Amino acid sequence: AKAFRMNQYQFQAPPLTKVNKVILITAGACFLLGAILRSIGAFSLVELLGLSTAGINQGFIFQLVTYPFVETELMSFIFSGLIVWFIGSELESLWGARVYARFLALTVMAVGVIYL
């Protein structure tokens, strides 16, 4: 009897790179902290770290950097993390950690300014 063999495709996830590891850990910590604060009825992490014109007018310039780390929905957090992991790891591998970190910082701040 002949052995029938189909072409098999194997999925291989990219390695988790250094910059993306820091981003994902920070986002995970913010997500958990926000969920805990929300469940005990304390202040909203989104109001403090999320980007808003009211926050910027009050002098919260740090919101231009912190807003990407604040997620309130689990699925949004998961899919954002997957995008960072899959696409970001490839970019960091190609460009190097320093160039990739500069790219992220510039992109986050530029999008924040455009949003405002």
PDB file of N, CA and C in Angstrom:
ATOM      1  N   ALA A   1       0.842  -1.176   0.000  1.00  0.00           N
ATOM      2  CA  ALA A   1       0.000   0.000   0.000  1.00  0.00           C
ATOM      3  C   ALA A   1       0.880   1.228   0.000  1.00  0.00           C
ATOM      4  N   LYS A   2       0.453   2.186  -0.783  1.00  0.00           N
ATOM      5  CA  LYS A   2       1.180   3.438  -0.866  1.00  0.00           C
ATOM      6  C   LYS A   2       0.805   4.322   0.321  1.00  0.00           C
ATOM      7  N   ALA A   3       1.777   4.985   0.844  1.00  0.00           N
ATOM      8  CA  ALA A   3       1.516   5.938   1.934  1.00  0.00           C
ATOM      9  C   ALA A   3       1.112   7.268   1.292  1.00  0.00           C
ATOM     10  N   PHE A   4      -0.001   7.785   1.721  1.00  0.00           N
ATOM     11  CA  PHE A   4      -0.499   9.066   1.209  1.00  0.00           C
ATOM     12  C   PHE A   4      -0.073  10.160   2.174  1.00  0.00           C
ATOM     13  N   ARG A   5       0.621  11.135   1.661  1.00  0.00           N
ATOM     14  CA  ARG A   5       1.099  12.211   2.518  1.00  0.00           C
ATOM     15  C   ARG A   5       0.697  13.549   1.926  1.00  0.00           C
ATOM     16  N   MET A   6      -0.032  14.316   2.709  1.00  0.00           N
ATOM     17  CA  MET A   6      -0.426  15.653   2.278  1.00  0.00           C
ATOM     18  C   MET A   6       0.653  16.646   2.696  1.00  0.00           C
ATOM     19  N   ASN A   7       0.730  17.723   1.947  1.00  0.00           N
ATOM     20  CA  ASN A   7       1.634  18.793   2.373  1.00  0.00           C
ATOM     21  C   ASN A   7       1.107  19.365   3.675  1.00  0.00           C
ATOM     22  N   GLN A   8       1.955  19.407   4.649  1.00  0.00           N
ATOM     23  CA  GLN A   8       1.544  19.934   5.944  1.00  0.00           C
ATOM     24  C   GLN A   8       2.234  21.265   6.174  1.00  0.00           C
ATOM     25  N   TYR A   9       1.445  22.223   6.630  1.00  0.00           N
ATOM     26  CA  TYR A   9       1.968  23.531   6.953  1.00  0.00           C
ATOM     27  C   TYR A   9       2.054  23.636   8.464  1.00  0.00           C
ATOM     28  N   GLN A  10       3.159  24.159   8.917  1.00  0.00           N
ATOM     29  CA  GLN A  10       3.357  24.277  10.348  1.00  0.00           C
ATOM     30  C   GLN A  10       3.430  25.754  10.704  1.00  0.00           C
ATOM     31  N   PHE A  11       2.669  26.129  11.703  1.00  0.00           N
ATOM     32  CA  PHE A  11       2.675  27.504  12.188  1.00  0.00           C
ATOM     33  C   PHE A  11       3.774  27.661  13.230  1.00  0.00           C
ATOM     34  N   GLN A  12       4.556  28.709  13.078  1.00  0.00           N
ATOM     35  CA  GLN A  12       5.590  28.975  14.064  1.00  0.00           C
ATOM     36  C   GLN A  12       5.479  30.438  14.479  1.00  0.00           C
ATOM     37  N   ALA A  13       5.222  30.655  15.758  1.00  0.00           N
ATOM     38  CA  ALA A  13       5.107  32.006  16.279  1.00  0.00           C
ATOM     39  C   ALA A  13       6.487  32.653  16.341  1.00  0.00           C
ATOM     40  N   PRO A  14       6.539  33.970  16.119  1.00  0.00           N
ATOM     41  CA  PRO A  14       7.841  34.647  16.212  1.00  0.00           C
ATOM     42  C   PRO A  14       8.313  34.687  17.660  1.00  0.00           C
ATOM     43  N   PRO A  15       9.607  34.829  17.863  1.00  0.00           N
ATOM     44  CA  PRO A  15      10.102  34.942  19.242  1.00  0.00           C
ATOM     45  C   PRO A  15       9.642  36.265  19.861  1.00  0.00           C
ATOM     46  N   LEU A  16       9.477  36.263  21.160  1.00  0.00           N
ATOM     47  CA  LEU A  16       9.095  37.484  21.865  1.00  0.00           C
ATOM     48  C   LEU A  16      10.371  38.285  22.115  1.00  0.00           C
ATOM     49  N   THR A  17      10.482  39.427  21.452  1.00  0.00           N
ATOM     50  CA  THR A  17      11.690  40.235  21.531  1.00  0.00           C
ATOM     51  C   THR A  17      11.696  41.113  22.782  1.00  0.00           C
ATOM     52  N   LYS A  18      12.849  41.712  23.058  1.00  0.00           N
ATOM     53  CA  LYS A  18      13.069  42.449  24.305  1.00  0.00           C
ATOM     54  C   LYS A  18      12.111  43.635  24.477  1.00  0.00           C
ATOM     55  N   VAL A  19      12.018  44.494  23.484  1.00  0.00           N
ATOM     56  CA  VAL A  19      11.164  45.680  23.583  1.00  0.00           C
ATOM     57  C   VAL A  19       9.700  45.261  23.698  1.00  0.00           C
ATOM     58  N   ASN A  20       9.293  44.288  22.902  1.00  0.00           N
ATOM     59  CA  ASN A  20       7.902  43.843  22.951  1.00  0.00           C
ATOM     60  C   ASN A  20       7.567  43.164  24.269  1.00  0.00           C
ATOM     61  N   LYS A  21       8.533  42.498  24.869  1.00  0.00           N
ATOM     62  CA  LYS A  21       8.311  41.891  26.183  1.00  0.00           C
ATOM     63  C   LYS A  21       7.995  42.976  27.211  1.00  0.00           C
ATOM     64  N   VAL A  22       8.754  44.068  27.183  1.00  0.00           N
ATOM     65  CA  VAL A  22       8.510  45.182  28.099  1.00  0.00           C
ATOM     66  C   VAL A  22       7.134  45.794  27.838  1.00  0.00           C
ATOM     67  N   ILE A  23       6.792  45.962  26.576  1.00  0.00           N
ATOM     68  CA  ILE A  23       5.493  46.544  26.220  1.00  0.00           C
ATOM     69  C   ILE A  23       4.355  45.658  26.707  1.00  0.00           C
ATOM     70  N   LEU A  24       4.447  44.364  26.465  1.00  0.00           N
ATOM     71  CA  LEU A  24       3.374  43.449  26.845  1.00  0.00           C
ATOM     72  C   LEU A  24       3.252  43.311  28.360  1.00  0.00           C
ATOM     73  N   ILE A  25       4.360  43.297  29.069  1.00  0.00           N
ATOM     74  CA  ILE A  25       4.300  43.232  30.533  1.00  0.00           C
ATOM     75  C   ILE A  25       3.685  44.506  31.096  1.00  0.00           C
ATOM     76  N   THR A  26       4.077  45.651  30.568  1.00  0.00           N
ATOM     77  CA  THR A  26       3.516  46.925  31.016  1.00  0.00           C
ATOM     78  C   THR A  26       2.023  46.999  30.720  1.00  0.00           C
ATOM     79  N   ALA A  27       1.625  46.604  29.517  1.00  0.00           N
ATOM     80  CA  ALA A  27       0.198  46.627  29.158  1.00  0.00           C
ATOM     81  C   ALA A  27      -0.598  45.649  30.020  1.00  0.00           C
ATOM     82  N   GLY A  28      -0.038  44.478  30.279  1.00  0.00           N
ATOM     83  CA  GLY A  28      -0.711  43.502  31.138  1.00  0.00           C
ATOM     84  C   GLY A  28      -0.877  44.013  32.555  1.00  0.00           C
ATOM     85  N   ALA A  29       0.166  44.640  33.094  1.00  0.00           N
ATOM     86  CA  ALA A  29       0.083  45.204  34.446  1.00  0.00           C
ATOM     87  C   ALA A  29      -0.960  46.316  34.508  1.00  0.00           C
ATOM     88  N   CYS A  30      -0.995  47.174  33.493  1.00  0.00           N
ATOM     89  CA  CYS A  30      -2.000  48.252  33.457  1.00  0.00           C
ATOM     90  C   CYS A  30      -3.409  47.681  33.331  1.00  0.00           C
ATOM     91  N   PHE A  31      -3.564  46.630  32.523  1.00  0.00           N
ATOM     92  CA  PHE A  31      -4.879  46.012  32.363  1.00  0.00           C
ATOM     93  C   PHE A  31      -5.358  45.427  33.690  1.00  0.00           C
ATOM     94  N   LEU A  32      -4.489  44.690  34.363  1.00  0.00           N
ATOM     95  CA  LEU A  32      -4.868  44.098  35.654  1.00  0.00           C
ATOM     96  C   LEU A  32      -5.129  45.160  36.713  1.00  0.00           C
ATOM     97  N   LEU A  33      -4.266  46.163  36.783  1.00  0.00           N
ATOM     98  CA  LEU A  33      -4.463  47.244  37.750  1.00  0.00           C
ATOM     99  C   LEU A  33      -5.764  47.985  37.478  1.00  0.00           C
ATOM    100  N   GLY A  34      -6.040  48.267  36.209  1.00  0.00           N
ATOM    101  CA  GLY A  34      -7.291  48.943  35.852  1.00  0.00           C
ATOM    102  C   GLY A  34      -8.509  48.121  36.221  1.00  0.00           C
ATOM    103  N   ALA A  35      -8.445  46.803  36.003  1.00  0.00           N
ATOM    104  CA  ALA A  35      -9.567  45.925  36.357  1.00  0.00           C
ATOM    105  C   ALA A  35      -9.774  45.880  37.866  1.00  0.00           C
ATOM    106  N   ILE A  36      -8.681  45.823  38.613  1.00  0.00           N
ATOM    107  CA  ILE A  36      -8.790  45.801  40.074  1.00  0.00           C
ATOM    108  C   ILE A  36      -9.358  47.118  40.591  1.00  0.00           C
ATOM    109  N   LEU A  37      -8.842  48.231  40.104  1.00  0.00           N
ATOM    110  CA  LEU A  37      -9.334  49.535  40.543  1.00  0.00           C
ATOM    111  C   LEU A  37     -10.804  49.721  40.183  1.00  0.00           C
ATOM    112  N   ARG A  38     -11.196  49.251  39.016  1.00  0.00           N
ATOM    113  CA  ARG A  38     -12.588  49.354  38.589  1.00  0.00           C
ATOM    114  C   ARG A  38     -13.494  48.497  39.472  1.00  0.00           C
ATOM    115  N   SER A  39     -13.027  47.305  39.853  1.00  0.00           N
ATOM    116  CA  SER A  39     -13.865  46.396  40.650  1.00  0.00           C
ATOM    117  C   SER A  39     -14.040  46.866  42.091  1.00  0.00           C
ATOM    118  N   ILE A  40     -13.065  47.582  42.636  1.00  0.00           N
ATOM    119  CA  ILE A  40     -13.217  48.073  44.008  1.00  0.00           C
ATOM    120  C   ILE A  40     -13.808  49.476  44.061  1.00  0.00           C
ATOM    121  N   GLY A  41     -14.085  50.039  42.894  1.00  0.00           N
ATOM    122  CA  GLY A  41     -14.736  51.339  42.841  1.00  0.00           C
ATOM    123  C   GLY A  41     -13.800  52.509  43.066  1.00  0.00           C
ATOM    124  N   ALA A  42     -12.523  52.306  42.877  1.00  0.00           N
ATOM    125  CA  ALA A  42     -11.555  53.392  43.035  1.00  0.00           C
ATOM    126  C   ALA A  42     -11.542  54.241  41.756  1.00  0.00           C
ATOM    127  N   PHE A  43     -10.545  55.065  41.619  1.00  0.00           N
ATOM    128  CA  PHE A  43     -10.467  55.925  40.439  1.00  0.00           C
ATOM    129  C   PHE A  43     -10.235  55.102  39.173  1.00  0.00           C
ATOM    130  N   SER A  44     -10.529  55.706  38.040  1.00  0.00           N
ATOM    131  CA  SER A  44     -10.379  55.031  36.751  1.00  0.00           C
ATOM    132  C   SER A  44      -8.983  55.268  36.191  1.00  0.00           C
ATOM    133  N   LEU A  45      -8.308  54.197  35.877  1.00  0.00           N
ATOM    134  CA  LEU A  45      -6.981  54.295  35.275  1.00  0.00           C
ATOM    135  C   LEU A  45      -7.069  54.912  33.876  1.00  0.00           C
ATOM    136  N   VAL A  46      -8.180  54.689  33.204  1.00  0.00           N
ATOM    137  CA  VAL A  46      -8.378  55.256  31.865  1.00  0.00           C
ATOM    138  C   VAL A  46      -8.421  56.774  31.934  1.00  0.00           C
ATOM    139  N   GLU A  47      -9.082  57.312  32.956  1.00  0.00           N
ATOM    140  CA  GLU A  47      -9.157  58.773  33.093  1.00  0.00           C
ATOM    141  C   GLU A  47      -7.796  59.379  33.394  1.00  0.00           C
ATOM    142  N   LEU A  48      -6.959  58.644  34.108  1.00  0.00           N
ATOM    143  CA  LEU A  48      -5.639  59.160  34.458  1.00  0.00           C
ATOM    144  C   LEU A  48      -4.638  58.992  33.318  1.00  0.00           C
ATOM    145  N   LEU A  49      -4.570  57.793  32.722  1.00  0.00           N
ATOM    146  CA  LEU A  49      -3.544  57.487  31.726  1.00  0.00           C
ATOM    147  C   LEU A  49      -4.021  57.570  30.281  1.00  0.00           C
ATOM    148  N   GLY A  50      -5.338  57.480  30.064  1.00  0.00           N
ATOM    149  CA  GLY A  50      -5.877  57.540  28.711  1.00  0.00           C
ATOM    150  C   GLY A  50      -5.795  58.941  28.145  1.00  0.00           C
ATOM    151  N   LEU A  51      -5.700  59.051  26.853  1.00  0.00           N
ATOM    152  CA  LEU A  51      -5.508  60.338  26.184  1.00  0.00           C
ATOM    153  C   LEU A  51      -6.823  61.096  26.083  1.00  0.00           C
ATOM    154  N   SER A  52      -6.816  62.334  26.565  1.00  0.00           N
ATOM    155  CA  SER A  52      -7.991  63.190  26.456  1.00  0.00           C
ATOM    156  C   SER A  52      -7.549  64.648  26.404  1.00  0.00           C
ATOM    157  N   THR A  53      -8.346  65.469  25.756  1.00  0.00           N
ATOM    158  CA  THR A  53      -8.012  66.900  25.707  1.00  0.00           C
ATOM    159  C   THR A  53      -8.111  67.516  27.094  1.00  0.00           C
ATOM    160  N   ALA A  54      -9.070  67.048  27.909  1.00  0.00           N
ATOM    161  CA  ALA A  54      -9.190  67.567  29.272  1.00  0.00           C
ATOM    162  C   ALA A  54      -7.928  67.255  30.076  1.00  0.00           C
ATOM    163  N   GLY A  55      -7.404  66.057  29.935  1.00  0.00           N
ATOM    164  CA  GLY A  55      -6.179  65.686  30.646  1.00  0.00           C
ATOM    165  C   GLY A  55      -4.984  66.510  30.202  1.00  0.00           C
ATOM    166  N   ILE A  56      -4.849  66.700  28.908  1.00  0.00           N
ATOM    167  CA  ILE A  56      -3.741  67.507  28.387  1.00  0.00           C
ATOM    168  C   ILE A  56      -3.877  68.947  28.858  1.00  0.00           C
ATOM    169  N   ASN A  57      -5.111  69.480  28.874  1.00  0.00           N
ATOM    170  CA  ASN A  57      -5.334  70.844  29.352  1.00  0.00           C
ATOM    171  C   ASN A  57      -5.012  70.987  30.832  1.00  0.00           C
ATOM    172  N   GLN A  58      -5.121  69.907  31.594  1.00  0.00           N
ATOM    173  CA  GLN A  58      -4.773  69.933  33.017  1.00  0.00           C
ATOM    174  C   GLN A  58      -3.282  69.716  33.240  1.00  0.00           C
ATOM    175  N   GLY A  59      -2.523  69.522  32.171  1.00  0.00           N
ATOM    176  CA  GLY A  59      -1.080  69.356  32.289  1.00  0.00           C
ATOM    177  C   GLY A  59      -0.609  67.919  32.307  1.00  0.00           C
ATOM    178  N   PHE A  60      -1.487  66.979  32.001  1.00  0.00           N
ATOM    179  CA  PHE A  60      -1.113  65.562  31.988  1.00  0.00           C
ATOM    180  C   PHE A  60      -0.483  65.198  30.647  1.00  0.00           C
ATOM    181  N   ILE A  61       0.676  65.778  30.367  1.00  0.00           N
ATOM    182  CA  ILE A  61       1.371  65.551  29.100  1.00  0.00           C
ATOM    183  C   ILE A  61       1.783  64.085  28.952  1.00  0.00           C
ATOM    184  N   PHE A  62       1.992  63.407  30.067  1.00  0.00           N
ATOM    185  CA  PHE A  62       2.394  61.992  30.034  1.00  0.00           C
ATOM    186  C   PHE A  62       1.371  61.113  29.328  1.00  0.00           C
ATOM    187  N   GLN A  63       0.131  61.598  29.183  1.00  0.00           N
ATOM    188  CA  GLN A  63      -0.895  60.823  28.491  1.00  0.00           C
ATOM    189  C   GLN A  63      -0.526  60.541  27.041  1.00  0.00           C
ATOM    190  N   LEU A  64       0.316  61.381  26.445  1.00  0.00           N
ATOM    191  CA  LEU A  64       0.767  61.143  25.066  1.00  0.00           C
ATOM    192  C   LEU A  64       1.608  59.874  24.954  1.00  0.00           C
ATOM    193  N   VAL A  65       2.123  59.368  26.061  1.00  0.00           N
ATOM    194  CA  VAL A  65       2.935  58.164  26.051  1.00  0.00           C
ATOM    195  C   VAL A  65       2.191  56.980  26.677  1.00  0.00           C
ATOM    196  N   THR A  66       1.310  57.241  27.632  1.00  0.00           N
ATOM    197  CA  THR A  66       0.681  56.157  28.388  1.00  0.00           C
ATOM    198  C   THR A  66      -0.601  55.613  27.768  1.00  0.00           C
ATOM    199  N   TYR A  67      -1.235  56.351  26.882  1.00  0.00           N
ATOM    200  CA  TYR A  67      -2.543  55.919  26.371  1.00  0.00           C
ATOM    201  C   TYR A  67      -2.558  54.554  25.683  1.00  0.00           C
ATOM    202  N   PRO A  68      -1.486  54.108  25.018  1.00  0.00           N
ATOM    203  CA  PRO A  68      -1.575  52.782  24.387  1.00  0.00           C
ATOM    204  C   PRO A  68      -1.616  51.627  25.385  1.00  0.00           C
ATOM    205  N   PHE A  69      -1.219  51.882  26.620  1.00  0.00           N
ATOM    206  CA  PHE A  69      -1.164  50.817  27.617  1.00  0.00           C
ATOM    207  C   PHE A  69      -2.483  50.609  28.351  1.00  0.00           C
ATOM    208  N   VAL A  70      -3.461  51.460  28.115  1.00  0.00           N
ATOM    209  CA  VAL A  70      -4.718  51.386  28.849  1.00  0.00           C
ATOM    210  C   VAL A  70      -5.782  50.714  27.985  1.00  0.00           C
ATOM    211  N   GLU A  71      -6.197  49.551  28.388  1.00  0.00           N
ATOM    212  CA  GLU A  71      -7.280  48.815  27.729  1.00  0.00           C
ATOM    213  C   GLU A  71      -8.310  48.453  28.787  1.00  0.00           C
ATOM    214  N   THR A  72      -9.580  48.489  28.419  1.00  0.00           N
ATOM    215  CA  THR A  72     -10.629  48.116  29.367  1.00  0.00           C
ATOM    216  C   THR A  72     -11.309  46.802  28.998  1.00  0.00           C
ATOM    217  N   GLU A  73     -11.215  46.407  27.751  1.00  0.00           N
ATOM    218  CA  GLU A  73     -11.866  45.183  27.294  1.00  0.00           C
ATOM    219  C   GLU A  73     -10.833  44.075  27.118  1.00  0.00           C
ATOM    220  N   LEU A  74     -11.166  42.876  27.567  1.00  0.00           N
ATOM    221  CA  LEU A  74     -10.235  41.747  27.508  1.00  0.00           C
ATOM    222  C   LEU A  74      -9.853  41.395  26.080  1.00  0.00           C
ATOM    223  N   MET A  75     -10.818  41.312  25.182  1.00  0.00           N
ATOM    224  CA  MET A  75     -10.513  40.917  23.802  1.00  0.00           C
ATOM    225  C   MET A  75      -9.654  41.970  23.098  1.00  0.00           C
ATOM    226  N   SER A  76      -9.919  43.229  23.367  1.00  0.00           N
ATOM    227  CA  SER A  76      -9.095  44.295  22.798  1.00  0.00           C
ATOM    228  C   SER A  76      -7.663  44.189  23.301  1.00  0.00           C
ATOM    229  N   PHE A  77      -7.498  43.896  24.579  1.00  0.00           N
ATOM    230  CA  PHE A  77      -6.165  43.706  25.161  1.00  0.00           C
ATOM    231  C   PHE A  77      -5.459  42.522  24.511  1.00  0.00           C
ATOM    232  N   ILE A  78      -6.157  41.417  24.362  1.00  0.00           N
ATOM    233  CA  ILE A  78      -5.558  40.211  23.780  1.00  0.00           C
ATOM    234  C   ILE A  78      -5.129  40.444  22.337  1.00  0.00           C
ATOM    235  N   PHE A  79      -6.010  41.012  21.522  1.00  0.00           N
ATOM    236  CA  PHE A  79      -5.667  41.204  20.114  1.00  0.00           C
ATOM    237  C   PHE A  79      -4.606  42.277  19.917  1.00  0.00           C
ATOM    238  N   SER A  80      -4.616  43.315  20.727  1.00  0.00           N
ATOM    239  CA  SER A  80      -3.544  44.315  20.657  1.00  0.00           C
ATOM    240  C   SER A  80      -2.205  43.684  21.007  1.00  0.00           C
ATOM    241  N   GLY A  81      -2.209  42.849  22.025  1.00  0.00           N
ATOM    242  CA  GLY A  81      -0.983  42.152  22.411  1.00  0.00           C
ATOM    243  C   GLY A  81      -0.476  41.224  21.329  1.00  0.00           C
ATOM    244  N   LEU A  82      -1.391  40.527  20.672  1.00  0.00           N
ATOM    245  CA  LEU A  82      -0.991  39.635  19.580  1.00  0.00           C
ATOM    246  C   LEU A  82      -0.403  40.406  18.410  1.00  0.00           C
ATOM    247  N   ILE A  83      -0.969  41.553  18.103  1.00  0.00           N
ATOM    248  CA  ILE A  83      -0.433  42.374  17.017  1.00  0.00           C
ATOM    249  C   ILE A  83       0.967  42.858  17.353  1.00  0.00           C
ATOM    250  N   VAL A  84       1.142  43.324  18.591  1.00  0.00           N
ATOM    251  CA  VAL A  84       2.470  43.765  19.018  1.00  0.00           C
ATOM    252  C   VAL A  84       3.456  42.613  18.927  1.00  0.00           C
ATOM    253  N   TRP A  85       3.050  41.454  19.390  1.00  0.00           N
ATOM    254  CA  TRP A  85       3.939  40.294  19.392  1.00  0.00           C
ATOM    255  C   TRP A  85       4.294  39.857  17.974  1.00  0.00           C
ATOM    256  N   PHE A  86       3.307  39.664  17.127  1.00  0.00           N
ATOM    257  CA  PHE A  86       3.566  39.106  15.793  1.00  0.00           C
ATOM    258  C   PHE A  86       4.234  40.115  14.861  1.00  0.00           C
ATOM    259  N   ILE A  87       3.680  41.313  14.763  1.00  0.00           N
ATOM    260  CA  ILE A  87       4.239  42.297  13.831  1.00  0.00           C
ATOM    261  C   ILE A  87       5.446  42.997  14.439  1.00  0.00           C
ATOM    262  N   GLY A  88       5.334  43.372  15.706  1.00  0.00           N
ATOM    263  CA  GLY A  88       6.419  44.084  16.368  1.00  0.00           C
ATOM    264  C   GLY A  88       7.690  43.277  16.472  1.00  0.00           C
ATOM    265  N   SER A  89       7.558  41.987  16.744  1.00  0.00           N
ATOM    266  CA  SER A  89       8.755  41.150  16.841  1.00  0.00           C
ATOM    267  C   SER A  89       9.495  41.082  15.519  1.00  0.00           C
ATOM    268  N   GLU A  90       8.761  41.023  14.441  1.00  0.00           N
ATOM    269  CA  GLU A  90       9.389  41.005  13.116  1.00  0.00           C
ATOM    270  C   GLU A  90      10.116  42.319  12.844  1.00  0.00           C
ATOM    271  N   LEU A  91       9.460  43.438  13.161  1.00  0.00           N
ATOM    272  CA  LEU A  91      10.099  44.738  12.944  1.00  0.00           C
ATOM    273  C   LEU A  91      11.324  44.917  13.824  1.00  0.00           C
ATOM    274  N   GLU A  92      11.223  44.506  15.092  1.00  0.00           N
ATOM    275  CA  GLU A  92      12.368  44.632  15.981  1.00  0.00           C
ATOM    276  C   GLU A  92      13.531  43.751  15.527  1.00  0.00           C
ATOM    277  N   SER A  93      13.233  42.584  15.008  1.00  0.00           N
ATOM    278  CA  SER A  93      14.289  41.710  14.499  1.00  0.00           C
ATOM    279  C   SER A  93      14.976  42.312  13.280  1.00  0.00           C
ATOM    280  N   LEU A  94      14.203  42.980  12.431  1.00  0.00           N
ATOM    281  CA  LEU A  94      14.771  43.596  11.228  1.00  0.00           C
ATOM    282  C   LEU A  94      15.536  44.877  11.535  1.00  0.00           C
ATOM    283  N   TRP A  95      14.971  45.733  12.394  1.00  0.00           N
ATOM    284  CA  TRP A  95      15.514  47.069  12.620  1.00  0.00           C
ATOM    285  C   TRP A  95      16.470  47.158  13.803  1.00  0.00           C
ATOM    286  N   GLY A  96      16.334  46.269  14.753  1.00  0.00           N
ATOM    287  CA  GLY A  96      17.084  46.380  15.992  1.00  0.00           C
ATOM    288  C   GLY A  96      16.225  47.062  17.054  1.00  0.00           C
ATOM    289  N   ALA A  97      16.571  46.837  18.295  1.00  0.00           N
ATOM    290  CA  ALA A  97      15.759  47.327  19.415  1.00  0.00           C
ATOM    291  C   ALA A  97      15.704  48.847  19.475  1.00  0.00           C
ATOM    292  N   ARG A  98      16.824  49.505  19.252  1.00  0.00           N
ATOM    293  CA  ARG A  98      16.867  50.967  19.374  1.00  0.00           C
ATOM    294  C   ARG A  98      16.009  51.670  18.321  1.00  0.00           C
ATOM    295  N   VAL A  99      16.150  51.267  17.082  1.00  0.00           N
ATOM    296  CA  VAL A  99      15.370  51.886  16.001  1.00  0.00           C
ATOM    297  C   VAL A  99      13.886  51.570  16.178  1.00  0.00           C
ATOM    298  N   TYR A 100      13.573  50.349  16.568  1.00  0.00           N
ATOM    299  CA  TYR A 100      12.184  49.949  16.773  1.00  0.00           C
ATOM    300  C   TYR A 100      11.550  50.741  17.917  1.00  0.00           C
ATOM    301  N   ALA A 101      12.274  50.929  19.017  1.00  0.00           N
ATOM    302  CA  ALA A 101      11.753  51.710  20.146  1.00  0.00           C
ATOM    303  C   ALA A 101      11.531  53.162  19.747  1.00  0.00           C
ATOM    304  N   ARG A 102      12.439  53.723  18.977  1.00  0.00           N
ATOM    305  CA  ARG A 102      12.252  55.108  18.483  1.00  0.00           C
ATOM    306  C   ARG A 102      11.036  55.195  17.575  1.00  0.00           C
ATOM    307  N   PHE A 103      10.890  54.226  16.693  1.00  0.00           N
ATOM    308  CA  PHE A 103       9.727  54.185  15.802  1.00  0.00           C
ATOM    309  C   PHE A 103       8.426  54.157  16.608  1.00  0.00           C
ATOM    310  N   LEU A 104       8.368  53.291  17.624  1.00  0.00           N
ATOM    311  CA  LEU A 104       7.162  53.205  18.445  1.00  0.00           C
ATOM    312  C   LEU A 104       6.882  54.509  19.177  1.00  0.00           C
ATOM    313  N   ALA A 105       7.909  55.098  19.781  1.00  0.00           N
ATOM    314  CA  ALA A 105       7.727  56.344  20.522  1.00  0.00           C
ATOM    315  C   ALA A 105       7.232  57.459  19.608  1.00  0.00           C
ATOM    316  N   LEU A 106       7.852  57.597  18.461  1.00  0.00           N
ATOM    317  CA  LEU A 106       7.444  58.635  17.509  1.00  0.00           C
ATOM    318  C   LEU A 106       6.019  58.395  17.010  1.00  0.00           C
ATOM    319  N   THR A 107       5.703  57.156  16.692  1.00  0.00           N
ATOM    320  CA  THR A 107       4.376  56.823  16.184  1.00  0.00           C
ATOM    321  C   THR A 107       3.293  57.076  17.234  1.00  0.00           C
ATOM    322  N   VAL A 108       3.548  56.647  18.465  1.00  0.00           N
ATOM    323  CA  VAL A 108       2.568  56.824  19.539  1.00  0.00           C
ATOM    324  C   VAL A 108       2.317  58.306  19.789  1.00  0.00           C
ATOM    325  N   MET A 109       3.372  59.101  19.868  1.00  0.00           N
ATOM    326  CA  MET A 109       3.189  60.523  20.120  1.00  0.00           C
ATOM    327  C   MET A 109       2.537  61.250  18.938  1.00  0.00           C
ATOM    328  N   ALA A 110       2.928  60.894  17.713  1.00  0.00           N
ATOM    329  CA  ALA A 110       2.336  61.531  16.538  1.00  0.00           C
ATOM    330  C   ALA A 110       0.848  61.206  16.430  1.00  0.00           C
ATOM    331  N   VAL A 111       0.478  59.967  16.652  1.00  0.00           N
ATOM    332  CA  VAL A 111      -0.936  59.588  16.595  1.00  0.00           C
ATOM    333  C   VAL A 111      -1.709  60.283  17.710  1.00  0.00           C
ATOM    334  N   GLY A 112      -1.101  60.412  18.886  1.00  0.00           N
ATOM    335  CA  GLY A 112      -1.756  61.124  19.987  1.00  0.00           C
ATOM    336  C   GLY A 112      -2.006  62.574  19.653  1.00  0.00           C
ATOM    337  N   VAL A 113      -1.028  63.243  19.050  1.00  0.00           N
ATOM    338  CA  VAL A 113      -1.191  64.638  18.663  1.00  0.00           C
ATOM    339  C   VAL A 113      -2.256  64.774  17.594  1.00  0.00           C
ATOM    340  N   ILE A 114      -2.244  63.891  16.613  1.00  0.00           N
ATOM    341  CA  ILE A 114      -3.269  63.930  15.558  1.00  0.00           C
ATOM    342  C   ILE A 114      -4.648  63.702  16.145  1.00  0.00           C
ATOM    343  N   TYR A 115      -4.761  62.769  17.088  1.00  0.00           N
ATOM    344  CA  TYR A 115      -6.046  62.482  17.733  1.00  0.00           C
ATOM    345  C   TYR A 115      -6.561  63.718  18.470  1.00  0.00           C
ATOM    346  N   LEU A 116      -5.676  64.393  19.172  1.00  0.00           N
ATOM    347  CA  LEU A 116      -6.090  65.585  19.929  1.00  0.00           C
ATOM    348  C   LEU A 116      -6.490  66.704  18.999  1.00  0.00           C
TER     349      LEU A 116
END
